């Protein structure tokens, strides 16, 4: 159970839900409530498929490219740290993203929800989960699914959440998420460096 809760919390912050919600609101200003709901369904399917593809097939990708998990861990950690700094320093509410055609997969699912830094973290954490006992891998997968469903629920409740927290509140929560990401990035880098030195 600890593995499930720990993975759930980590992935919830890795998916930067408050930033995602801010962008979702910005890109759907002209949409009706029913259109937003339909879009949220498509975004949910997209992020679930992409996330689990990365989570489950990380080891195969590492073997194909001849990259050790620890080396990739350092690279992914650095990228995640840069993403965290950007999240803390930037005014996310002011960002603009082209919104032509169907925006469910691009840009809402990729790269807003699952950007380069999140992709690296999914590959590394998936590799860690499935190199251990099967039960731990299943719990980690369940934690990832729970985190994705939490983000999905926020998208479905976008308007009420915006009224409750406000745009300024979402901006503050996005910056706090950046601080958590920075700590996670530091841990990933430290683990990777320790593994490389031990090897």
Protein backbone atom coordinates (compact mmCIF):
# COMPACT_ATOMS: atom_id res chain seq x y z
CA UNK A 1 0.00 0.00 0.00
CA UNK A 2 2.90 2.35 0.74
CA UNK A 3 4.18 1.79 -2.81
CA UNK A 4 0.76 2.66 -4.23
CA UNK A 5 0.41 5.89 -2.22
CA UNK A 6 4.00 6.96 -2.81
CA UNK A 7 3.74 6.40 -6.58
CA UNK A 8 0.36 8.13 -6.71
CA UNK A 9 1.68 11.27 -5.00
CA UNK A 10 4.86 11.38 -7.10
CA UNK A 11 3.03 11.04 -10.39
CA UNK A 12 0.34 13.50 -9.35
CA UNK A 13 2.98 16.21 -8.97
CA UNK A 14 4.95 15.04 -12.03
CA UNK A 15 1.84 15.61 -14.14
CA UNK A 16 1.73 19.26 -12.90
CA UNK A 17 -2.08 19.19 -12.54
CA UNK A 18 -2.56 22.86 -11.65
CA UNK A 19 -0.54 24.03 -14.65
CA UNK A 20 -2.48 21.59 -16.85
CA UNK A 21 -5.76 22.93 -15.48
CA UNK A 22 -4.67 26.52 -16.14
CA UNK A 23 -3.84 25.68 -19.75
CA UNK A 24 -7.07 23.70 -20.17
CA UNK A 25 -9.08 26.71 -19.00
CA UNK A 26 -7.13 29.08 -21.24
CA UNK A 27 -7.61 26.89 -24.32
CA UNK A 28 -11.32 26.26 -23.75
CA UNK A 29 -12.54 29.76 -22.91
CA UNK A 30 -14.88 29.80 -25.92
CA UNK A 31 -16.27 26.31 -25.32
CA UNK A 32 -19.55 25.37 -23.68
CA UNK A 33 -19.66 23.12 -20.60
CA UNK A 34 -20.61 20.06 -22.68
CA UNK A 35 -17.77 20.70 -25.14
CA UNK A 36 -15.32 20.93 -22.24
CA UNK A 37 -16.58 17.62 -20.85
CA UNK A 38 -16.14 15.87 -24.20
CA UNK A 39 -12.66 17.33 -24.55
CA UNK A 40 -11.76 16.19 -21.01
CA UNK A 41 -12.74 12.62 -21.96
CA UNK A 42 -10.45 12.66 -25.01
CA UNK A 43 -7.58 14.18 -23.02
CA UNK A 44 -8.00 11.48 -20.35
CA UNK A 45 -7.76 8.67 -22.90
CA UNK A 46 -4.72 10.27 -24.51
CA UNK A 47 -2.76 10.76 -21.28
CA UNK A 48 -3.59 7.24 -20.03
CA UNK A 49 -2.41 5.60 -23.27
CA UNK A 50 0.77 7.70 -23.59
CA UNK A 51 1.67 7.42 -19.89
CA UNK A 52 1.33 3.64 -19.73
CA UNK A 53 3.18 3.16 -23.01
CA UNK A 54 6.13 5.04 -21.51
CA UNK A 55 5.78 3.42 -18.09
CA UNK A 56 5.66 -0.15 -19.41
CA UNK A 57 8.21 -0.04 -22.23
CA UNK A 58 11.04 1.98 -20.68
CA UNK A 59 13.31 -1.05 -20.29
CA UNK A 60 12.86 -2.00 -23.94
CA UNK A 61 13.83 1.51 -25.06
CA UNK A 62 16.92 1.49 -22.85
CA UNK A 63 18.03 -1.82 -24.37
CA UNK A 64 17.45 -0.62 -27.94
CA UNK A 65 19.56 2.51 -27.44
CA UNK A 66 22.13 0.87 -25.17
CA UNK A 67 21.52 3.36 -22.35
CA UNK A 68 21.84 2.36 -18.72
CA UNK A 69 18.97 3.24 -16.41
CA UNK A 70 21.28 5.25 -14.15
CA UNK A 71 22.60 7.36 -17.04
CA UNK A 72 19.07 8.06 -18.19
CA UNK A 73 18.07 8.79 -14.60
CA UNK A 74 20.66 11.59 -14.41
CA UNK A 75 19.54 13.07 -17.74
CA UNK A 76 15.84 12.85 -16.86
CA UNK A 77 16.51 14.36 -13.44
CA UNK A 78 18.31 17.36 -14.94
CA UNK A 79 15.49 17.89 -17.42
CA UNK A 80 12.91 17.61 -14.65
CA UNK A 81 14.83 20.13 -12.55
CA UNK A 82 14.90 22.64 -15.42
CA UNK A 83 11.17 22.11 -15.89
CA UNK A 84 10.62 22.72 -12.17
CA UNK A 85 12.63 25.96 -12.28
CA UNK A 86 10.62 27.11 -15.28
CA UNK A 87 7.38 26.33 -13.46
CA UNK A 88 8.46 28.27 -10.36
CA UNK A 89 9.82 31.33 -12.18
CA UNK A 90 7.36 31.70 -15.05
CA UNK A 91 3.91 33.23 -15.11
CA UNK A 92 2.13 30.13 -16.40
CA UNK A 93 -1.14 31.99 -16.76
CA UNK A 94 0.43 34.19 -19.44
CA UNK A 95 1.65 31.34 -21.66
CA UNK A 96 -0.02 30.94 -24.99
CA UNK A 97 -0.27 27.74 -26.98
CA UNK A 98 -1.65 27.44 -30.52
CA UNK A 99 -5.10 25.89 -30.33
CA UNK A 100 -6.12 24.92 -33.85
CA UNK A 101 -8.18 21.82 -34.62
CA UNK A 102 -8.54 19.01 -32.08
CA UNK A 103 -6.44 20.03 -29.08
CA UNK A 104 -7.02 16.90 -26.98
CA UNK A 105 -3.82 15.08 -27.93
CA UNK A 106 -1.71 18.06 -29.05
CA UNK A 107 -1.13 20.23 -27.13
CA UNK A 108 -3.19 19.23 -24.03
CA UNK A 109 -2.01 15.62 -23.61
CA UNK A 110 1.43 16.16 -25.19
CA UNK A 111 3.35 18.32 -24.35
CA UNK A 112 1.28 20.18 -21.72
CA UNK A 113 0.44 17.18 -19.49
CA UNK A 114 3.21 14.83 -20.60
CA UNK A 115 6.17 16.96 -21.57
CA UNK A 116 9.82 15.93 -22.04
CA UNK A 117 10.59 15.98 -18.31
CA UNK A 118 7.52 13.90 -17.42
CA UNK A 119 8.38 11.48 -20.23
CA UNK A 120 11.84 10.90 -18.77
CA UNK A 121 10.46 10.41 -15.27
CA UNK A 122 7.85 7.90 -16.53
CA UNK A 123 10.52 5.86 -18.31
CA UNK A 124 12.79 5.78 -15.25
CA UNK A 125 10.09 5.08 -12.67
CA UNK A 126 8.52 2.42 -14.89
CA UNK A 127 11.88 0.71 -15.24
CA UNK A 128 12.39 0.81 -11.46
CA UNK A 129 8.91 -0.59 -10.81
CA UNK A 130 9.16 -3.55 -13.17
CA UNK A 131 12.72 -4.51 -12.25
CA UNK A 132 11.40 -5.36 -8.79
CA UNK A 133 8.73 -7.81 -7.55
CA UNK A 134 5.59 -8.17 -9.69
CA UNK A 135 3.35 -6.98 -6.84
CA UNK A 136 5.35 -3.77 -6.54
CA UNK A 137 5.11 -3.18 -10.28
CA UNK A 138 1.34 -3.63 -10.18
CA UNK A 139 1.00 -1.25 -7.22
CA UNK A 140 3.13 1.34 -9.04
CA UNK A 141 0.96 0.99 -12.14
CA UNK A 142 -2.12 1.44 -9.96
CA UNK A 143 -0.59 4.56 -8.43
CA UNK A 144 0.05 5.99 -11.89
CA UNK A 145 -3.53 5.28 -12.95
CA UNK A 146 -4.86 6.94 -9.78
CA UNK A 147 -2.76 10.05 -10.46
CA UNK A 148 -4.01 10.22 -14.06
CA UNK A 149 -7.62 9.91 -12.90
CA UNK A 150 -7.08 12.72 -10.38
CA UNK A 151 -5.87 14.99 -13.19
CA UNK A 152 -8.84 13.89 -15.29
CA UNK A 153 -11.26 14.71 -12.45
CA UNK A 154 -9.76 18.19 -12.21
CA UNK A 155 -10.35 18.73 -15.92
CA UNK A 156 -13.97 17.58 -15.62
CA UNK A 157 -14.46 20.00 -12.70
CA UNK A 158 -12.46 22.81 -14.35
CA UNK A 159 -15.08 25.54 -14.01
CA UNK A 160 -15.97 24.86 -10.33
CA UNK A 161 -12.27 24.58 -9.42
CA UNK A 162 -11.55 27.88 -11.15
CA UNK A 163 -14.37 29.58 -9.24
CA UNK A 164 -13.15 28.07 -5.95
CA UNK A 165 -9.43 28.75 -6.30
CA UNK A 166 -9.25 31.48 -8.94
CA UNK A 167 -6.58 31.98 -11.61
CA UNK A 168 -4.19 33.47 -9.05
CA UNK A 169 -4.66 30.47 -6.78
CA UNK A 170 -3.87 28.10 -9.65
CA UNK A 171 -0.72 30.09 -10.38
CA UNK A 172 0.43 29.81 -6.77
CA UNK A 173 -0.30 26.07 -6.66
CA UNK A 174 1.62 25.61 -9.93
CA UNK A 175 4.66 27.26 -8.38
CA UNK A 176 4.40 25.07 -5.27
CA UNK A 177 4.23 22.04 -7.58
CA UNK A 178 7.48 23.27 -9.13
CA UNK A 179 9.17 23.15 -5.72
CA UNK A 180 8.07 19.55 -5.22
CA UNK A 181 9.32 18.66 -8.71
CA UNK A 182 12.70 20.20 -7.92
CA UNK A 183 13.02 17.95 -4.88
CA UNK A 184 12.00 14.88 -6.91
CA UNK A 185 14.51 15.83 -9.61
CA UNK A 186 17.30 16.13 -7.05
CA UNK A 187 16.48 12.66 -5.70
CA UNK A 188 16.43 11.14 -9.19
CA UNK A 189 19.80 12.72 -10.05
CA UNK A 190 21.34 11.62 -6.75
CA UNK A 191 20.15 8.02 -7.25
CA UNK A 192 21.50 8.00 -10.82
CA UNK A 193 24.92 9.38 -9.84
CA UNK A 194 25.18 6.92 -6.96
CA UNK A 195 24.35 4.04 -9.31
CA UNK A 196 26.92 5.17 -11.89
CA UNK A 197 29.64 5.51 -9.26
CA UNK A 198 28.80 2.11 -7.77
CA UNK A 199 28.93 0.53 -11.24
